[in-house]
Protein backbone atom coordinates (compact mmCIF):
# COMPACT_ATOMS: atom_id res chain seq x y z
CA MET A 1 27.44 28.93 -68.31
CA ASN A 2 24.16 27.91 -68.63
CA THR A 3 21.82 29.73 -71.70
CA VAL A 4 18.05 29.55 -72.51
CA THR A 5 16.60 31.01 -75.84
CA VAL A 6 12.83 31.56 -75.76
CA THR A 7 11.32 32.61 -78.63
CA TRP A 8 7.81 32.91 -79.88
CA PRO A 9 5.89 34.01 -83.11
CA SER A 10 4.50 37.73 -83.25
CA THR A 11 0.97 38.45 -81.80
CA THR A 12 -1.74 40.87 -83.76
CA PHE A 13 -4.66 42.28 -81.84
CA SER A 14 -8.14 41.08 -82.97
CA ASN A 15 -8.19 44.52 -85.22
CA GLY A 16 -5.00 43.41 -86.47
CA ALA A 17 -2.64 45.76 -85.03
CA ALA A 18 0.79 43.95 -83.88
CA VAL A 19 1.28 43.63 -80.47
CA THR A 20 5.59 44.89 -79.93
CA SER A 21 5.81 44.46 -76.43
CA TYR A 22 6.11 41.08 -74.07
CA THR A 23 7.34 40.49 -70.64
CA VAL A 24 9.13 36.39 -69.78
CA ARG A 25 8.69 34.86 -67.20
CA ARG A 26 10.30 31.25 -65.82
CA TYR A 27 9.33 28.68 -63.49
CA ASP A 28 10.57 26.11 -61.45
CA ALA A 29 9.23 22.71 -63.78
CA ILE A 30 9.27 20.95 -60.52
CA THR A 31 7.57 22.98 -58.10
CA GLY A 32 5.66 25.37 -60.11
CA ILE A 33 7.61 28.78 -58.59
CA ALA A 34 8.69 31.59 -60.28
CA GLY A 35 12.15 32.15 -60.67
CA THR A 36 14.01 35.55 -61.33
CA ILE A 37 14.64 36.03 -64.97
CA LEU A 38 17.90 37.19 -66.05
CA THR A 39 19.83 39.41 -68.81
CA VAL A 40 17.53 40.90 -71.93
CA CYS A 41 14.84 38.83 -70.61
CA THR A 42 14.08 40.80 -67.93
CA GLY A 43 10.98 43.51 -67.82
CA THR A 44 9.46 44.35 -71.37
CA VAL A 45 10.76 42.36 -74.15
CA GLN A 46 10.40 44.37 -77.80
CA ALA A 47 11.33 41.55 -79.74
CA THR A 48 10.00 37.97 -79.96
CA SER A 49 13.23 36.45 -78.81
CA CYS A 50 15.52 36.82 -75.64
CA THR A 51 18.43 34.65 -74.38
CA GLU A 52 18.59 34.43 -70.92
CA THR A 53 22.30 33.46 -69.72
CA LEU A 54 23.60 32.50 -66.19
CA VAL A 55 20.41 30.30 -65.83
CA PRO A 56 21.25 28.36 -62.61
CA PRO A 57 21.17 24.44 -63.01
CA GLY A 58 17.13 23.13 -62.49
CA GLN A 59 14.11 22.56 -64.97
CA TRP A 60 12.65 25.68 -66.18
CA GLN A 61 9.19 26.58 -68.32
CA TYR A 62 8.60 29.78 -69.51
CA THR A 63 5.46 31.77 -70.05
CA ILE A 64 4.93 34.84 -72.50
CA THR A 65 2.79 37.65 -72.22
CA ALA A 66 2.10 40.50 -74.38
CA VAL A 67 1.67 43.79 -73.19
CA ALA A 68 0.64 47.37 -74.66
CA GLY A 69 0.64 50.32 -72.24
CA ASN A 70 -1.13 49.73 -68.78
CA TRP A 71 -2.93 46.35 -70.94
CA HIS A 72 -1.78 43.21 -70.20
CA ALA A 73 -2.99 39.82 -72.04
CA ALA A 74 -3.25 36.58 -70.33
CA GLU A 75 -0.53 35.04 -69.65
CA SER A 76 0.42 31.94 -71.48
CA ALA A 77 0.52 28.34 -70.70
CA LYS A 78 3.77 27.19 -69.33
CA LYS A 79 5.72 25.61 -72.78
CA HIS A 80 8.65 22.93 -72.29
CA ARG A 81 10.61 21.75 -69.51
CA HIS A 82 14.32 23.12 -69.81
CA HIS A 83 16.84 21.03 -67.69
CA ASN A 84 19.64 22.48 -67.33
CA ALA A 85 23.19 21.21 -66.51
CA LEU A 86 25.80 21.65 -69.36
CA THR A 87 23.07 21.80 -72.25
CA ARG A 88 21.83 25.01 -74.24
CA PRO A 89 18.31 24.42 -74.54
CA THR A 90 15.66 26.51 -76.70
CA SER A 91 12.26 26.92 -75.75
CA ARG A 92 9.20 27.76 -78.59
CA VAL A 93 6.02 29.50 -77.33
CA LEU A 94 3.38 28.63 -79.40
CA ALA A 95 1.01 31.04 -80.91
CA TYR A 96 -1.66 32.77 -79.43
CA ARG A 97 -4.13 35.35 -80.53
CA LEU A 98 -5.34 38.51 -78.37
CA ASP A 99 -8.81 39.83 -78.44
CA ARG A 100 -8.67 43.52 -77.12
């Protein structure tokens, strides 16, 4: 079973209020096409990490988008290429600040 853990630092709005919800997307690192996220990384994540299990073989990149109600920040840049074969890689998304 291939597992990828995606982690990112917490983010705040320009007024200092914490962003508490995020969405995670997975992209094919070669084609740039979005893939279907599995397990606890689907929907809105109310944490600063999630672990996707049963990740199909291939090379993947992940993005994070902060969300608050109907508001969505710009999607983060695609970070770190991961080749899933028999390894259990970890992705770290760099911090970004949101102005709302």
